[in-house]
Protein backbone atom coordinates (compact mmCIF):
# COMPACT_ATOMS: atom_id res chain seq x y z
CA UNK A 1 0.28 -0.16 -0.29
CA UNK A 2 1.37 3.30 -0.92
CA UNK A 3 2.38 5.30 2.24
CA UNK A 4 0.63 9.23 2.23
CA UNK A 5 3.07 12.13 2.83
CA UNK A 6 1.82 15.05 4.35
CA UNK A 7 3.70 18.00 6.74
CA UNK A 8 2.16 18.86 10.02
CA UNK A 9 -0.13 21.56 9.45
CA UNK A 10 0.70 25.16 10.68
CA UNK A 11 -1.70 26.75 12.90
CA UNK A 12 -1.85 30.04 11.06
CA UNK A 13 -5.87 30.24 10.76
CA UNK A 14 -7.59 33.17 10.50
CA UNK A 15 -10.17 34.36 12.89
CA UNK A 16 -13.91 32.66 11.31
CA UNK A 17 -14.90 36.40 10.74
CA UNK A 18 -12.09 37.26 8.29
CA UNK A 19 -12.71 37.15 4.93
CA UNK A 20 -10.57 35.25 2.72
CA UNK A 21 -9.10 36.22 -1.06
CA UNK A 22 -10.22 35.93 -4.40
CA UNK A 23 -8.86 32.44 -5.89
CA UNK A 24 -7.28 35.34 -8.27
CA UNK A 25 -5.50 37.08 -5.45
CA UNK A 26 -3.89 33.76 -3.86
CA UNK A 27 -0.67 35.10 -2.20
CA UNK A 28 2.89 34.04 -4.10
CA UNK A 29 3.96 33.48 -0.59
CA UNK A 30 1.24 30.58 -0.26
CA UNK A 31 2.58 29.53 -3.51
CA UNK A 32 6.24 29.44 -2.20
CA UNK A 33 5.40 28.12 1.16
CA UNK A 34 4.08 25.08 -0.43
CA UNK A 35 6.93 24.64 -2.93
CA UNK A 36 9.18 24.92 -0.42
CA UNK A 37 7.74 21.80 1.57
CA UNK A 38 10.00 18.95 1.76
CA UNK A 39 8.08 16.93 -0.83
CA UNK A 40 7.78 20.18 -3.22
CA UNK A 41 11.62 21.25 -3.59
CA UNK A 42 12.27 21.72 -7.53
CA UNK A 43 15.89 22.33 -9.00
CA UNK A 44 16.58 24.95 -11.36
CA UNK A 45 16.70 22.59 -14.16
CA UNK A 46 12.86 21.63 -13.27
CA UNK A 47 11.83 25.03 -12.82
CA UNK A 48 13.44 26.19 -16.37
CA UNK A 49 10.93 23.47 -17.49
CA UNK A 50 7.79 25.61 -16.97
CA UNK A 51 5.82 26.06 -20.00
CA UNK A 52 5.27 29.65 -21.59
CA UNK A 53 2.35 31.51 -19.47
CA UNK A 54 -0.51 32.03 -21.06
CA UNK A 55 -2.06 35.61 -21.22
CA UNK A 56 -5.53 36.13 -19.35
CA UNK A 57 -7.58 35.55 -22.42
CA UNK A 58 -5.83 32.21 -22.95
CA UNK A 59 -5.98 30.90 -19.47
CA UNK A 60 -9.64 32.11 -19.00
CA UNK A 61 -10.55 30.26 -22.24
CA UNK A 62 -9.01 26.87 -20.56
CA UNK A 63 -11.85 27.00 -18.24
CA UNK A 64 -14.82 27.93 -20.69
CA UNK A 65 -16.64 25.65 -22.85
CA UNK A 66 -16.38 26.51 -26.33
CA UNK A 67 -16.33 24.14 -29.14
CA UNK A 68 -13.66 21.11 -28.94
CA UNK A 69 -11.78 22.17 -32.24
CA UNK A 70 -11.42 25.79 -30.76
CA UNK A 71 -10.41 24.43 -27.28
CA UNK A 72 -7.76 22.03 -28.91
CA UNK A 73 -6.07 25.04 -30.79
CA UNK A 74 -6.19 27.06 -27.77
CA UNK A 75 -4.53 24.30 -25.50
CA UNK A 76 -1.99 23.39 -28.11
CA UNK A 77 -0.59 27.02 -27.75
CA UNK A 78 0.37 26.38 -24.03
CA UNK A 79 1.28 22.69 -24.61
CA UNK A 80 4.47 21.67 -23.23
CA UNK A 81 7.13 19.19 -24.03
CA UNK A 82 7.25 16.34 -21.88
CA UNK A 83 9.86 16.04 -19.48
CA UNK A 84 12.08 13.02 -18.62
CA UNK A 85 10.75 13.34 -14.95
CA UNK A 86 7.55 12.60 -14.93
CA UNK A 87 7.16 12.68 -11.01
CA UNK A 88 8.23 16.22 -10.87
CA UNK A 89 5.79 18.25 -9.47
CA UNK A 90 5.42 22.08 -10.72
CA UNK A 91 1.90 22.52 -9.30
CA UNK A 92 0.72 25.91 -7.46
CA UNK A 93 -1.10 23.40 -5.30
CA UNK A 94 1.16 20.68 -4.13
CA UNK A 95 -1.55 17.69 -3.75
CA UNK A 96 -1.97 17.58 -7.82
CA UNK A 97 0.49 15.29 -9.41
CA UNK A 98 2.74 16.47 -12.17
CA UNK A 99 1.67 15.48 -15.79
CA UNK A 100 2.60 15.36 -19.31
CA UNK A 101 1.49 17.46 -22.08
CA UNK A 102 -2.03 18.94 -21.98
CA UNK A 103 -4.49 17.00 -23.72
CA UNK A 104 -7.96 18.13 -25.02
CA UNK A 105 -10.96 16.96 -23.29
CA UNK A 106 -12.68 13.81 -24.43
CA UNK A 107 -14.82 13.44 -21.61
CA UNK A 108 -17.86 12.62 -24.16
CA UNK A 109 -16.22 10.42 -26.51
CA UNK A 110 -18.41 7.99 -27.64
CA UNK A 111 -16.05 4.84 -27.87
CA UNK A 112 -16.73 2.97 -24.52
CA UNK A 113 -13.89 0.45 -24.77
CA UNK A 114 -12.44 -0.63 -21.17
CA UNK A 115 -8.82 0.56 -23.01
CA UNK A 116 -10.24 3.90 -24.26
CA UNK A 117 -12.12 4.78 -21.39
CA UNK A 118 -8.74 4.59 -19.11
CA UNK A 119 -6.87 6.62 -21.88
CA UNK A 120 -9.32 9.19 -22.09
CA UNK A 121 -9.68 9.27 -18.00
CA UNK A 122 -5.92 9.97 -17.76
CA UNK A 123 -5.95 12.66 -20.60
CA UNK A 124 -8.72 14.53 -18.69
CA UNK A 125 -7.02 14.36 -15.38
CA UNK A 126 -3.82 15.75 -17.09
CA UNK A 127 -5.52 18.56 -18.45
CA UNK A 128 -7.71 19.33 -15.70
CA UNK A 129 -4.19 19.18 -13.45
CA UNK A 130 -2.28 21.58 -16.17
CA UNK A 131 -5.02 24.07 -16.03
CA UNK A 132 -5.28 24.53 -12.56
CA UNK A 133 -1.30 24.46 -12.55
CA UNK A 134 -1.22 27.67 -14.75
CA UNK A 135 -3.93 29.23 -12.88
CA UNK A 136 -1.73 29.35 -9.79
CA UNK A 137 1.44 29.84 -11.62
CA UNK A 138 -0.14 32.76 -13.49
CA UNK A 139 0.59 36.23 -12.23
CA UNK A 140 -2.07 38.31 -10.09
CA UNK A 141 -2.17 40.60 -13.26
CA UNK A 142 -3.11 37.62 -15.62
CA UNK A 143 -5.42 35.53 -13.30
CA UNK A 144 -8.95 36.28 -13.92
CA UNK A 145 -10.63 38.18 -11.20
CA UNK A 146 -13.32 36.10 -9.83
CA UNK A 147 -13.17 33.44 -11.93
CA UNK A 148 -16.11 31.64 -10.63
CA UNK A 149 -18.55 34.66 -11.31
CA UNK A 150 -17.56 34.37 -14.98
CA UNK A 151 -18.05 30.92 -15.77
CA UNK A 152 -21.53 31.11 -14.14
CA UNK A 153 -23.65 30.61 -17.07
CA UNK A 154 -21.79 27.47 -18.23
CA UNK A 155 -22.66 25.64 -15.08
CA UNK A 156 -25.25 23.20 -15.18
CA UNK A 157 -26.61 24.17 -11.86
CA UNK A 158 -27.07 27.55 -12.98
CA UNK A 159 -28.78 26.63 -16.08
CA UNK A 160 -31.21 24.16 -13.96
CA UNK A 161 -31.70 27.44 -11.49
CA UNK A 162 -33.04 29.53 -14.31
CA UNK A 163 -35.24 26.08 -15.22
CA UNK A 164 -36.72 25.87 -11.96
CA UNK A 165 -37.53 29.61 -11.57
CA UNK A 166 -38.81 29.61 -14.90
CA UNK A 167 -41.38 26.84 -14.20
CA UNK A 168 -42.41 28.19 -10.93
CA UNK A 169 -45.76 29.86 -12.12
CA UNK A 170 -47.38 29.58 -8.41
CA UNK A 171 -44.52 31.23 -6.90
CA UNK A 172 -43.92 27.83 -4.82
CA UNK A 173 -40.09 28.74 -4.59
CA UNK A 174 -38.16 30.98 -2.06
CA UNK A 175 -36.19 32.64 -4.95
CA UNK A 176 -34.67 35.36 -3.04
CA UNK A 177 -31.74 33.46 -1.33
CA UNK A 178 -30.87 31.00 -4.38
CA UNK A 179 -30.86 34.54 -6.55
CA UNK A 180 -28.71 36.17 -4.00
CA UNK A 181 -26.60 33.46 -3.59
CA UNK A 182 -26.01 33.39 -7.14
CA UNK A 183 -25.20 36.63 -7.08
CA UNK A 184 -22.88 36.37 -4.51
CA UNK A 185 -21.24 33.19 -6.37
CA UNK A 186 -17.59 35.43 -5.79
CA UNK A 187 -17.41 33.78 -2.48
CA UNK A 188 -16.42 30.52 -3.93
CA UNK A 189 -13.49 32.03 -4.92
CA UNK A 190 -13.04 33.91 -1.43
CA UNK A 191 -13.27 30.32 0.33
CA UNK A 192 -11.46 28.55 -2.11
CA UNK A 193 -8.26 30.68 -1.47
CA UNK A 194 -8.55 30.66 2.27
CA UNK A 195 -8.80 26.82 1.89
CA UNK A 196 -5.90 26.62 -0.43
CA UNK A 197 -3.54 29.03 1.98
CA UNK A 198 -4.23 26.60 5.20
CA UNK A 199 -4.36 23.27 3.81
CA UNK A 200 -1.27 21.43 4.58
CA UNK A 201 1.23 19.91 1.55
CA UNK A 202 0.07 16.28 1.02
CA UNK A 203 1.12 13.48 -1.75
CA UNK A 204 -2.33 13.17 -4.16
CA UNK A 205 -4.66 10.22 -2.78
CA UNK A 206 -7.50 8.24 -4.58
CA UNK A 207 -10.78 7.78 -3.87
CA UNK A 208 -13.84 6.26 -5.44
CA UNK A 209 -17.50 7.58 -4.59
CA UNK A 210 -20.67 5.82 -5.14
CA UNK A 211 -24.12 7.01 -4.40
CA UNK A 212 -27.59 5.90 -4.35
CA UNK A 213 -28.75 3.94 -7.67
CA UNK A 214 -25.18 5.28 -9.36
CA UNK A 215 -26.06 8.88 -9.66
CA UNK A 216 -23.73 11.60 -10.42
CA UNK A 217 -25.16 14.37 -7.79
CA UNK A 218 -21.33 15.79 -7.48
CA UNK A 219 -21.71 16.42 -11.38
CA UNK A 220 -18.30 14.91 -12.11
CA UNK A 221 -17.19 15.25 -15.75
CA UNK A 222 -18.47 12.15 -17.47
CA UNK A 223 -16.13 9.43 -18.93
CA UNK A 224 -17.37 6.38 -21.09
CA UNK A 225 -20.58 4.85 -20.63
CA UNK A 226 -22.97 5.88 -17.84
CA UNK A 227 -25.71 3.71 -16.42
CA UNK A 228 -27.86 6.78 -16.45
CA UNK A 229 -27.28 8.88 -19.76
CA UNK A 230 -26.65 12.06 -18.31
CA UNK A 231 -23.32 13.14 -19.81
CA UNK A 232 -21.21 16.22 -18.23
CA UNK A 233 -18.29 17.99 -19.50
CA UNK A 234 -15.37 19.06 -18.08
CA UNK A 235 -16.01 22.61 -16.28
CA UNK A 236 -19.61 22.36 -17.08
CA UNK A 237 -20.55 22.29 -13.35
CA UNK A 238 -20.02 24.25 -10.09
CA UNK A 239 -18.70 21.23 -8.29
CA UNK A 240 -16.09 20.21 -11.16
CA UNK A 241 -14.70 23.82 -10.88
CA UNK A 242 -14.30 23.77 -7.16
CA UNK A 243 -12.71 20.22 -6.99
CA UNK A 244 -10.13 21.13 -9.83
CA UNK A 245 -8.50 23.72 -7.22
CA UNK A 246 -7.89 20.44 -4.87
CA UNK A 247 -7.44 17.56 -7.33
CA UNK A 248 -8.83 15.68 -10.44
CA UNK A 249 -11.85 13.92 -10.79
CA UNK A 250 -14.41 11.63 -13.47
CA UNK A 251 -17.07 9.80 -13.15
CA UNK A 252 -18.00 6.41 -15.15
CA UNK A 253 -20.88 4.54 -15.19
CA UNK A 254 -22.15 4.65 -11.66
CA UNK A 255 -19.36 5.63 -9.87
CA UNK A 256 -17.02 8.64 -9.52
CA UNK A 257 -13.47 9.05 -9.06
CA UNK A 258 -11.13 11.94 -7.51
CA UNK A 259 -7.71 12.22 -6.99
CA UNK A 260 -6.04 14.98 -5.01
CA UNK A 261 -5.98 16.61 -1.73
CA UNK A 262 -7.75 15.26 1.38
CA UNK A 263 -10.12 18.52 1.18
CA UNK A 264 -11.64 17.12 -2.31
CA UNK A 265 -12.88 14.01 -0.06
CA UNK A 266 -14.18 16.28 3.10
CA UNK A 267 -16.21 18.33 0.30
CA UNK A 268 -17.56 15.53 -1.55
CA UNK A 269 -18.78 13.73 2.19
CA UNK A 270 -20.21 17.08 3.65
CA UNK A 271 -22.04 17.64 0.11
CA UNK A 272 -23.68 14.42 0.19
CA UNK A 273 -24.89 14.59 4.03
CA UNK A 274 -25.85 18.01 3.77
CA UNK A 275 -28.63 16.64 0.85
CA UNK A 276 -29.21 13.53 2.56
CA UNK A 277 -27.86 11.53 -0.04
CA UNK A 278 -26.65 7.98 0.59
CA UNK A 279 -23.16 7.37 -0.42
CA UNK A 280 -20.03 5.49 0.02
CA UNK A 281 -16.40 6.61 -0.07
CA UNK A 282 -13.95 3.87 -0.48
CA UNK A 283 -10.10 4.41 -1.08
CA UNK A 284 -9.35 3.92 -5.09
CA UNK A 285 -7.14 0.70 -5.34
CA UNK A 286 -3.83 0.73 -6.65
CA UNK A 287 -3.65 0.74 -10.47
CA UNK A 288 -7.14 1.59 -11.09
CA UNK A 289 -6.01 4.54 -12.63
CA UNK A 290 -2.83 3.71 -14.89
CA UNK A 291 -0.20 5.80 -15.41
CA UNK A 292 -1.41 8.43 -12.92
CA UNK A 293 0.54 8.73 -9.80
CA UNK A 294 -1.47 8.91 -6.42
CA UNK A 295 -1.75 6.80 -3.08
CA UNK A 296 -4.21 4.25 -1.87
CA UNK A 297 -4.92 5.12 1.76
CA UNK A 298 -5.79 2.82 4.46
CA UNK A 299 -8.26 3.94 7.02
CA UNK A 300 -5.24 4.71 9.65
CA UNK A 301 -3.33 7.01 7.09
CA UNK A 302 -7.13 8.72 6.19
CA UNK A 303 -7.25 9.68 10.04
CA UNK A 304 -3.77 10.64 9.82
CA UNK A 305 -4.25 12.96 6.94
CA UNK A 306 -7.87 14.35 8.40
CA UNK A 307 -6.02 15.18 11.71
CA UNK A 308 -3.21 17.45 9.65
CA UNK A 309 -6.02 19.45 8.97
CA UNK A 310 -7.00 22.00 11.52
CA UNK A 311 -10.57 23.11 12.84
CA UNK A 312 -10.53 26.16 10.79
CA UNK A 313 -9.84 24.49 7.42
CA UNK A 314 -12.43 21.59 7.93
CA UNK A 315 -15.39 24.43 8.89
CA UNK A 316 -14.46 26.70 5.68
CA UNK A 317 -14.57 23.13 3.55
CA UNK A 318 -17.93 22.62 5.19
CA UNK A 319 -19.28 26.17 4.34
CA UNK A 320 -18.03 25.55 0.51
CA UNK A 321 -20.13 22.57 0.52
CA UNK A 322 -23.03 23.81 1.90
CA UNK A 323 -22.99 26.60 -0.79
CA UNK A 324 -22.83 24.08 -3.46
CA UNK A 325 -25.13 21.62 -2.31
CA UNK A 326 -27.77 24.58 -2.13
CA UNK A 327 -26.94 25.45 -5.76
CA UNK A 328 -26.91 21.74 -6.79
CA UNK A 329 -29.04 20.17 -9.56
CA UNK A 330 -29.94 17.88 -6.97
CA UNK A 331 -31.16 20.63 -5.15
CA UNK A 332 -32.97 22.15 -7.67
CA UNK A 333 -34.76 18.83 -9.00
CA UNK A 334 -36.38 18.67 -5.69
CA UNK A 335 -37.77 21.97 -6.22
CA UNK A 336 -39.37 21.03 -9.49
CA UNK A 337 -40.78 17.79 -7.86
CA UNK A 338 -42.64 20.11 -5.51
CA UNK A 339 -44.02 21.72 -8.57
CA UNK A 340 -45.11 18.47 -10.14
CA UNK A 341 -47.17 17.61 -7.15
CA UNK A 342 -48.48 21.13 -6.90
CA UNK A 343 -49.69 20.91 -10.46
CA UNK A 344 -51.28 17.40 -10.09
CA UNK A 345 -53.10 18.82 -6.78
CA UNK A 346 -54.22 22.38 -7.72
CA UNK A 347 -57.69 21.84 -7.12
CA UNK A 348 -59.77 20.80 -3.98
CA UNK A 349 -60.26 17.10 -4.12
CA UNK A 350 -62.68 16.57 -1.45
CA UNK A 351 -64.45 19.57 -2.83
CA UNK A 352 -64.57 17.76 -6.25
CA UNK A 353 -65.68 14.39 -4.17
CA UNK A 354 -68.76 16.43 -3.05
CA UNK A 355 -69.65 17.40 -6.52
CA UNK A 356 -69.64 13.91 -7.78
CA UNK A 357 -71.58 12.44 -5.10
CA UNK A 358 -74.37 15.37 -5.61
CA UNK A 359 -74.08 14.43 -9.61
CA UNK A 360 -74.28 10.78 -9.11
CA UNK A 361 -77.52 11.25 -6.70
CA UNK A 362 -78.80 13.31 -9.26
CA UNK A 363 -78.37 10.76 -11.88
CA UNK A 364 -76.53 13.33 -13.81
CA UNK A 365 -73.12 12.90 -15.50
CA UNK A 366 -71.28 15.02 -17.69
CA UNK A 367 -71.85 15.50 -21.02
CA UNK A 368 -70.41 12.33 -22.93
CA UNK A 369 -70.06 14.05 -26.20
CA UNK A 370 -67.78 16.20 -24.69
CA UNK A 371 -64.74 15.08 -26.76
CA UNK A 372 -62.11 17.98 -24.90
CA UNK A 373 -59.37 15.56 -23.93
CA UNK A 374 -58.61 15.05 -20.50
CA UNK A 375 -54.55 15.05 -21.08
């Protein structure tokens, strides 16, 4: 079993009332602190292998959802040559493993053979890692300000919220809190930046997530065949954006895969628990995802990792998970189900039974010649 490596956390948590920073304004000192940890030192030769940094427009394009052709050409501009040392980690987030050249997102490929799915999964993970790596290595002037707010319209959660809003003809939804939360979505970037500045360095670890009836409530990007045919592109959901700061993720058939920092594991657990979704999380076995480095942790190692997080960091992760849960497709679906019930029961059934009884007593029934369809 691969042993995890992690550093004792530095108790520098801010008071709970103090606001975090935007993800576009993460201090270089945080990056340097993580890079100087014993497991993340780099020599000059490794630093010289950094790819040419994209400008703000190119960086933003990596997080948006253009056509596949346009996306491939944009990513080719920042593709770097592979190195002789694939284990070298140069991410601004030390929990993310190093990767070979960036590949185009193939999460919706129709070829579902086991070999091809494995290839697609690794390509997706490397693309996710490289995208986040470039975001954190970019200068403050290059990073998009409050990136999550810019990407809001491409998130399936926001599209589902708009759908529920349009369907709410009876005013059943308390839309004001949800609308306010979507308007203040930039707090997601603030909390992410705060978590990144407090989480200890850790070797990436892998987990497998299953939920009731094989659904994908976290809206991980999908790869290959699905039990429920609801494909999700990479960066097409708020949760995939959030988890991208802590690791890499995907979903195939009836289970999700996450490789990265333990904060991503906590986020997933808090998210499902808040929505009362039955779920199970197990360590991702060794070699389940080939050609990608991660640790497969036994329970004692998990306990030690969680002990390395201070209470402040855990609370911020929980706050982040609650925000995402409130805005989730799962929560919107529950609201739409209430509308369905309201439409089915939009009249007084007891009163209609009384009217029917009167008609039957009088020997009268509705005109049988009325051809108005019932549905």
